[in-house]
Amino acid sequence: MYFVPEVFGVHDFGKKVDQKYVDVCCEMYGLRKTVCCQEFQGLAQLLKPDLHSPTTAYDALELNRELLKLIDEYME
């Protein structure tokens, strides 16, 4: 239905766009390879030397909790 709307009697709402506009949108709003700044990565590595990047939202939440706990302990 998506690729041949005329077969199903529906309207094709697709619009042709220049590839450069697609590239700009991907650059501005696409997934970024850098998920946090280098300073934060350095701090996190100091607090938790065995640090691994999280692969799920739950892992990221747990890592955040661990880092906050380590910061609190350091500040005491």
PDB file of N, CA and C in Angstrom:
ATOM      1  N   MET A   1       0.829  -1.185   0.000  1.00  0.00           N
ATOM      2  CA  MET A   1       0.000   0.000   0.000  1.00  0.00           C
ATOM      3  C   MET A   1       0.878   1.254   0.000  1.00  0.00           C
ATOM      4  N   TYR A   2       2.002   1.202   0.677  1.00  0.00           N
ATOM      5  CA  TYR A   2       2.879   2.359   0.757  1.00  0.00           C
ATOM      6  C   TYR A   2       3.537   2.663  -0.585  1.00  0.00           C
ATOM      7  N   PHE A   3       3.967   1.617  -1.277  1.00  0.00           N
ATOM      8  CA  PHE A   3       4.721   1.814  -2.506  1.00  0.00           C
ATOM      9  C   PHE A   3       3.844   1.929  -3.754  1.00  0.00           C
ATOM     10  N   VAL A   4       2.641   1.416  -3.708  1.00  0.00           N
ATOM     11  CA  VAL A   4       1.733   1.481  -4.862  1.00  0.00           C
ATOM     12  C   VAL A   4       0.325   1.890  -4.396  1.00  0.00           C
ATOM     13  N   PRO A   5       0.153   3.119  -3.961  1.00  0.00           N
ATOM     14  CA  PRO A   5      -1.141   3.546  -3.418  1.00  0.00           C
ATOM     15  C   PRO A   5      -2.270   3.488  -4.447  1.00  0.00           C
ATOM     16  N   GLU A   6      -1.936   3.687  -5.720  1.00  0.00           N
ATOM     17  CA  GLU A   6      -2.977   3.689  -6.756  1.00  0.00           C
ATOM     18  C   GLU A   6      -3.670   2.337  -6.873  1.00  0.00           C
ATOM     19  N   VAL A   7      -2.963   1.265  -6.552  1.00  0.00           N
ATOM     20  CA  VAL A   7      -3.559  -0.069  -6.600  1.00  0.00           C
ATOM     21  C   VAL A   7      -4.683  -0.191  -5.572  1.00  0.00           C
ATOM     22  N   PHE A   8      -4.554   0.496  -4.460  1.00  0.00           N
ATOM     23  CA  PHE A   8      -5.529   0.400  -3.376  1.00  0.00           C
ATOM     24  C   PHE A   8      -6.523   1.563  -3.373  1.00  0.00           C
ATOM     25  N   GLY A   9      -6.437   2.426  -4.388  1.00  0.00           N
ATOM     26  CA  GLY A   9      -7.365   3.534  -4.502  1.00  0.00           C
ATOM     27  C   GLY A   9      -7.185   4.606  -3.437  1.00  0.00           C
ATOM     28  N   VAL A  10      -5.960   4.779  -2.984  1.00  0.00           N
ATOM     29  CA  VAL A  10      -5.692   5.808  -1.980  1.00  0.00           C
ATOM     30  C   VAL A  10      -4.756   6.860  -2.568  1.00  0.00           C
ATOM     31  N   HIS A  11      -4.643   7.977  -1.887  1.00  0.00           N
ATOM     32  CA  HIS A  11      -3.828   9.088  -2.360  1.00  0.00           C
ATOM     33  C   HIS A  11      -2.395   8.957  -1.849  1.00  0.00           C
ATOM     34  N   ASP A  12      -1.452   9.249  -2.700  1.00  0.00           N
ATOM     35  CA  ASP A  12      -0.045   9.254  -2.316  1.00  0.00           C
ATOM     36  C   ASP A  12       0.295  10.634  -1.766  1.00  0.00           C
ATOM     37  N   PHE A  13       0.530  10.713  -0.459  1.00  0.00           N
ATOM     38  CA  PHE A  13       0.846  11.987   0.176  1.00  0.00           C
ATOM     39  C   PHE A  13       2.348  12.256   0.201  1.00  0.00           C
ATOM     40  N   GLY A  14       3.122  11.387  -0.440  1.00  0.00           N
ATOM     41  CA  GLY A  14       4.566  11.582  -0.488  1.00  0.00           C
ATOM     42  C   GLY A  14       4.920  12.824  -1.283  1.00  0.00           C
ATOM     43  N   LYS A  15       6.048  13.411  -0.959  1.00  0.00           N
ATOM     44  CA  LYS A  15       6.495  14.609  -1.657  1.00  0.00           C
ATOM     45  C   LYS A  15       7.974  14.440  -1.981  1.00  0.00           C
ATOM     46  N   LYS A  16       8.327  14.730  -3.188  1.00  0.00           N
ATOM     47  CA  LYS A  16       9.721  14.648  -3.611  1.00  0.00           C
ATOM     48  C   LYS A  16      10.480  15.830  -3.018  1.00  0.00           C
ATOM     49  N   VAL A  17      11.645  15.535  -2.430  1.00  0.00           N
ATOM     50  CA  VAL A  17      12.485  16.594  -1.869  1.00  0.00           C
ATOM     51  C   VAL A  17      13.916  16.384  -2.339  1.00  0.00           C
ATOM     52  N   ASP A  18      14.646  17.458  -2.338  1.00  0.00           N
ATOM     53  CA  ASP A  18      16.046  17.413  -2.723  1.00  0.00           C
ATOM     54  C   ASP A  18      16.841  16.692  -1.636  1.00  0.00           C
ATOM     55  N   GLN A  19      17.767  15.846  -2.015  1.00  0.00           N
ATOM     56  CA  GLN A  19      18.559  15.060  -1.071  1.00  0.00           C
ATOM     57  C   GLN A  19      19.317  15.945  -0.090  1.00  0.00           C
ATOM     58  N   LYS A  20      19.713  17.146  -0.520  1.00  0.00           N
ATOM     59  CA  LYS A  20      20.476  18.010   0.397  1.00  0.00           C
ATOM     60  C   LYS A  20      19.621  18.404   1.602  1.00  0.00           C
ATOM     61  N   TYR A  21      18.298  18.545   1.426  1.00  0.00           N
ATOM     62  CA  TYR A  21      17.420  18.869   2.549  1.00  0.00           C
ATOM     63  C   TYR A  21      17.289  17.677   3.498  1.00  0.00           C
ATOM     64  N   VAL A  22      17.272  16.498   2.942  1.00  0.00           N
ATOM     65  CA  VAL A  22      17.239  15.288   3.768  1.00  0.00           C
ATOM     66  C   VAL A  22      18.523  15.202   4.587  1.00  0.00           C
ATOM     67  N   ASP A  23      19.652  15.470   3.959  1.00  0.00           N
ATOM     68  CA  ASP A  23      20.942  15.422   4.652  1.00  0.00           C
ATOM     69  C   ASP A  23      20.999  16.440   5.783  1.00  0.00           C
ATOM     70  N   VAL A  24      20.503  17.644   5.535  1.00  0.00           N
ATOM     71  CA  VAL A  24      20.495  18.687   6.565  1.00  0.00           C
ATOM     72  C   VAL A  24      19.625  18.257   7.743  1.00  0.00           C
ATOM     73  N   CYS A  25      18.447  17.710   7.463  1.00  0.00           N
ATOM     74  CA  CYS A  25      17.554  17.248   8.534  1.00  0.00           C
ATOM     75  C   CYS A  25      18.193  16.122   9.338  1.00  0.00           C
ATOM     76  N   CYS A  26      18.834  15.192   8.652  1.00  0.00           N
ATOM     77  CA  CYS A  26      19.501  14.095   9.351  1.00  0.00           C
ATOM     78  C   CYS A  26      20.622  14.619  10.234  1.00  0.00           C
ATOM     79  N   GLU A  27      21.354  15.602   9.746  1.00  0.00           N
ATOM     80  CA  GLU A  27      22.454  16.171  10.511  1.00  0.00           C
ATOM     81  C   GLU A  27      21.934  16.922  11.738  1.00  0.00           C
ATOM     82  N   MET A  28      20.837  17.657  11.553  1.00  0.00           N
ATOM     83  CA  MET A  28      20.307  18.467  12.649  1.00  0.00           C
ATOM     84  C   MET A  28      19.520  17.656  13.674  1.00  0.00           C
ATOM     85  N   TYR A  29      18.748  16.675  13.209  1.00  0.00           N
ATOM     86  CA  TYR A  29      17.816  15.993  14.096  1.00  0.00           C
ATOM     87  C   TYR A  29      18.034  14.490  14.215  1.00  0.00           C
ATOM     88  N   GLY A  30      18.975  13.961  13.477  1.00  0.00           N
ATOM     89  CA  GLY A  30      19.221  12.527  13.515  1.00  0.00           C
ATOM     90  C   GLY A  30      19.928  12.119  14.794  1.00  0.00           C
ATOM     91  N   LEU A  31      20.138  10.832  14.936  1.00  0.00           N
ATOM     92  CA  LEU A  31      20.837  10.335  16.114  1.00  0.00           C
ATOM     93  C   LEU A  31      22.267  10.834  16.105  1.00  0.00           C
ATOM     94  N   ARG A  32      22.670  11.360  17.222  1.00  0.00           N
ATOM     95  CA  ARG A  32      24.031  11.866  17.332  1.00  0.00           C
ATOM     96  C   ARG A  32      24.941  10.774  17.862  1.00  0.00           C
ATOM     97  N   LYS A  33      26.145  10.741  17.344  1.00  0.00           N
ATOM     98  CA  LYS A  33      27.108   9.743  17.797  1.00  0.00           C
ATOM     99  C   LYS A  33      27.654  10.100  19.172  1.00  0.00           C
ATOM    100  N   THR A  34      27.774  11.388  19.465  1.00  0.00           N
ATOM    101  CA  THR A  34      28.251  11.832  20.767  1.00  0.00           C
ATOM    102  C   THR A  34      27.056  12.027  21.668  1.00  0.00           C
ATOM    103  N   VAL A  35      26.965  11.222  22.709  1.00  0.00           N
ATOM    104  CA  VAL A  35      25.801  11.293  23.580  1.00  0.00           C
ATOM    105  C   VAL A  35      26.016  12.193  24.785  1.00  0.00           C
ATOM    106  N   CYS A  36      27.267  12.523  25.096  1.00  0.00           N
ATOM    107  CA  CYS A  36      27.548  13.480  26.161  1.00  0.00           C
ATOM    108  C   CYS A  36      28.924  14.095  25.921  1.00  0.00           C
ATOM    109  N   CYS A  37      29.178  15.190  26.623  1.00  0.00           N
ATOM    110  CA  CYS A  37      30.427  15.912  26.391  1.00  0.00           C
ATOM    111  C   CYS A  37      31.628  15.152  26.959  1.00  0.00           C
ATOM    112  N   GLN A  38      32.790  15.487  26.455  1.00  0.00           N
ATOM    113  CA  GLN A  38      34.021  14.802  26.866  1.00  0.00           C
ATOM    114  C   GLN A  38      34.324  15.023  28.340  1.00  0.00           C
ATOM    115  N   GLU A  39      33.992  16.219  28.853  1.00  0.00           N
ATOM    116  CA  GLU A  39      34.247  16.505  30.262  1.00  0.00           C
ATOM    117  C   GLU A  39      33.457  15.555  31.161  1.00  0.00           C
ATOM    118  N   PHE A  40      32.179  15.340  30.812  1.00  0.00           N
ATOM    119  CA  PHE A  40      31.360  14.431  31.603  1.00  0.00           C
ATOM    120  C   PHE A  40      31.872  12.999  31.491  1.00  0.00           C
ATOM    121  N   GLN A  41      32.267  12.608  30.294  1.00  0.00           N
ATOM    122  CA  GLN A  41      32.806  11.262  30.124  1.00  0.00           C
ATOM    123  C   GLN A  41      34.056  11.065  30.976  1.00  0.00           C
ATOM    124  N   GLY A  42      34.903  12.092  31.033  1.00  0.00           N
ATOM    125  CA  GLY A  42      36.116  12.018  31.858  1.00  0.00           C
ATOM    126  C   GLY A  42      35.780  11.907  33.331  1.00  0.00           C
ATOM    127  N   LEU A  43      34.811  12.697  33.796  1.00  0.00           N
ATOM    128  CA  LEU A  43      34.381  12.641  35.190  1.00  0.00           C
ATOM    129  C   LEU A  43      33.801  11.268  35.517  1.00  0.00           C
ATOM    130  N   ALA A  44      32.948  10.774  34.646  1.00  0.00           N
ATOM    131  CA  ALA A  44      32.338   9.469  34.863  1.00  0.00           C
ATOM    132  C   ALA A  44      33.400   8.373  34.903  1.00  0.00           C
ATOM    133  N   GLN A  45      34.407   8.469  34.060  1.00  0.00           N
ATOM    134  CA  GLN A  45      35.488   7.479  34.031  1.00  0.00           C
ATOM    135  C   GLN A  45      36.301   7.533  35.318  1.00  0.00           C
ATOM    136  N   LEU A  46      36.491   8.741  35.884  1.00  0.00           N
ATOM    137  CA  LEU A  46      37.205   8.857  37.160  1.00  0.00           C
ATOM    138  C   LEU A  46      36.405   8.232  38.297  1.00  0.00           C
ATOM    139  N   LEU A  47      35.097   8.455  38.278  1.00  0.00           N
ATOM    140  CA  LEU A  47      34.239   7.927  39.339  1.00  0.00           C
ATOM    141  C   LEU A  47      34.062   6.418  39.243  1.00  0.00           C
ATOM    142  N   LYS A  48      34.002   5.930  38.022  1.00  0.00           N
ATOM    143  CA  LYS A  48      33.724   4.506  37.803  1.00  0.00           C
ATOM    144  C   LYS A  48      34.633   4.016  36.672  1.00  0.00           C
ATOM    145  N   PRO A  49      35.860   3.589  37.027  1.00  0.00           N
ATOM    146  CA  PRO A  49      36.830   3.195  35.995  1.00  0.00           C
ATOM    147  C   PRO A  49      36.368   2.064  35.073  1.00  0.00           C
ATOM    148  N   ASP A  50      35.507   1.182  35.561  1.00  0.00           N
ATOM    149  CA  ASP A  50      35.034   0.071  34.730  1.00  0.00           C
ATOM    150  C   ASP A  50      33.767   0.436  33.953  1.00  0.00           C
ATOM    151  N   LEU A  51      33.616   1.697  33.668  1.00  0.00           N
ATOM    152  CA  LEU A  51      32.422   2.227  33.009  1.00  0.00           C
ATOM    153  C   LEU A  51      32.245   1.677  31.595  1.00  0.00           C
ATOM    154  N   HIS A  52      31.013   1.246  31.304  1.00  0.00           N
ATOM    155  CA  HIS A  52      30.636   0.818  29.957  1.00  0.00           C
ATOM    156  C   HIS A  52      29.410   1.615  29.551  1.00  0.00           C
ATOM    157  N   SER A  53      29.322   1.988  28.299  1.00  0.00           N
ATOM    158  CA  SER A  53      28.167   2.740  27.818  1.00  0.00           C
ATOM    159  C   SER A  53      26.912   1.889  27.925  1.00  0.00           C
ATOM    160  N   PRO A  54      25.824   2.483  28.417  1.00  0.00           N
ATOM    161  CA  PRO A  54      24.569   1.728  28.526  1.00  0.00           C
ATOM    162  C   PRO A  54      24.001   1.419  27.150  1.00  0.00           C
ATOM    163  N   THR A  55      23.300   0.301  27.066  1.00  0.00           N
ATOM    164  CA  THR A  55      22.708  -0.090  25.787  1.00  0.00           C
ATOM    165  C   THR A  55      21.188   0.011  25.797  1.00  0.00           C
ATOM    166  N   THR A  56      20.608   0.195  26.981  1.00  0.00           N
ATOM    167  CA  THR A  56      19.153   0.341  27.084  1.00  0.00           C
ATOM    168  C   THR A  56      18.846   1.537  27.971  1.00  0.00           C
ATOM    169  N   ALA A  57      17.610   1.981  27.939  1.00  0.00           N
ATOM    170  CA  ALA A  57      17.192   3.089  28.789  1.00  0.00           C
ATOM    171  C   ALA A  57      17.320   2.706  30.260  1.00  0.00           C
ATOM    172  N   TYR A  58      16.987   1.469  30.575  1.00  0.00           N
ATOM    173  CA  TYR A  58      17.103   1.012  31.966  1.00  0.00           C
ATOM    174  C   TYR A  58      18.561   1.032  32.420  1.00  0.00           C
ATOM    175  N   ASP A  59      19.473   0.554  31.576  1.00  0.00           N
ATOM    176  CA  ASP A  59      20.900   0.581  31.908  1.00  0.00           C
ATOM    177  C   ASP A  59      21.383   2.018  32.114  1.00  0.00           C
ATOM    178  N   ALA A  60      20.903   2.939  31.301  1.00  0.00           N
ATOM    179  CA  ALA A  60      21.283   4.345  31.435  1.00  0.00           C
ATOM    180  C   ALA A  60      20.786   4.908  32.762  1.00  0.00           C
ATOM    181  N   LEU A  61      19.566   4.550  33.141  1.00  0.00           N
ATOM    182  CA  LEU A  61      19.020   5.000  34.415  1.00  0.00           C
ATOM    183  C   LEU A  61      19.844   4.461  35.578  1.00  0.00           C
ATOM    184  N   GLU A  62      20.180   3.191  35.521  1.00  0.00           N
ATOM    185  CA  GLU A  62      20.991   2.590  36.582  1.00  0.00           C
ATOM    186  C   GLU A  62      22.375   3.234  36.658  1.00  0.00           C
ATOM    187  N   LEU A  63      22.974   3.492  35.516  1.00  0.00           N
ATOM    188  CA  LEU A  63      24.288   4.150  35.494  1.00  0.00           C
ATOM    189  C   LEU A  63      24.180   5.543  36.094  1.00  0.00           C
ATOM    190  N   ASN A  64      23.122   6.259  35.756  1.00  0.00           N
ATOM    191  CA  ASN A  64      22.910   7.596  36.312  1.00  0.00           C
ATOM    192  C   ASN A  64      22.812   7.525  37.837  1.00  0.00           C
ATOM    193  N   ARG A  65      22.063   6.562  38.334  1.00  0.00           N
ATOM    194  CA  ARG A  65      21.928   6.394  39.794  1.00  0.00           C
ATOM    195  C   ARG A  65      23.283   6.081  40.440  1.00  0.00           C
ATOM    196  N   GLU A  66      24.043   5.200  39.809  1.00  0.00           N
ATOM    197  CA  GLU A  66      25.363   4.849  40.340  1.00  0.00           C
ATOM    198  C   GLU A  66      26.282   6.066  40.389  1.00  0.00           C
ATOM    199  N   LEU A  67      26.294   6.835  39.298  1.00  0.00           N
ATOM    200  CA  LEU A  67      27.169   8.010  39.250  1.00  0.00           C
ATOM    201  C   LEU A  67      26.748   9.050  40.280  1.00  0.00           C
ATOM    202  N   LEU A  68      25.433   9.273  40.444  1.00  0.00           N
ATOM    203  CA  LEU A  68      24.967  10.229  41.444  1.00  0.00           C
ATOM    204  C   LEU A  68      25.350   9.779  42.852  1.00  0.00           C
ATOM    205  N   LYS A  69      25.256   8.488  43.113  1.00  0.00           N
ATOM    206  CA  LYS A  69      25.648   7.958  44.422  1.00  0.00           C
ATOM    207  C   LYS A  69      27.140   8.165  44.644  1.00  0.00           C
ATOM    208  N   LEU A  70      27.953   7.905  43.632  1.00  0.00           N
ATOM    209  CA  LEU A  70      29.403   8.096  43.744  1.00  0.00           C
ATOM    210  C   LEU A  70      29.759   9.564  43.958  1.00  0.00           C
ATOM    211  N   ILE A  71      29.046  10.445  43.294  1.00  0.00           N
ATOM    212  CA  ILE A  71      29.286  11.888  43.484  1.00  0.00           C
ATOM    213  C   ILE A  71      28.929  12.286  44.909  1.00  0.00           C
ATOM    214  N   ASP A  72      27.774  11.800  45.406  1.00  0.00           N
ATOM    215  CA  ASP A  72      27.385  12.095  46.786  1.00  0.00           C
ATOM    216  C   ASP A  72      28.431  11.603  47.778  1.00  0.00           C
ATOM    217  N   GLU A  73      28.934  10.383  47.568  1.00  0.00           N
ATOM    218  CA  GLU A  73      29.955   9.831  48.453  1.00  0.00           C
ATOM    219  C   GLU A  73      31.232  10.667  48.404  1.00  0.00           C
ATOM    220  N   TYR A  74      31.591  11.121  47.222  1.00  0.00           N
ATOM    221  CA  TYR A  74      32.801  11.931  47.063  1.00  0.00           C
ATOM    222  C   TYR A  74      32.648  13.275  47.770  1.00  0.00           C
ATOM    223  N   MET A  75      31.441  13.838  47.744  1.00  0.00           N
ATOM    224  CA  MET A  75      31.209  15.161  48.325  1.00  0.00           C
ATOM    225  C   MET A  75      31.136  15.126  49.849  1.00  0.00           C
ATOM    226  N   GLU A  76      30.966  13.949  50.441  1.00  0.00           N
ATOM    227  CA  GLU A  76      30.872  13.851  51.917  1.00  0.00           C
ATOM    228  C   GLU A  76      32.207  14.062  52.582  1.00  0.00           C
TER     229      GLU A  76
END
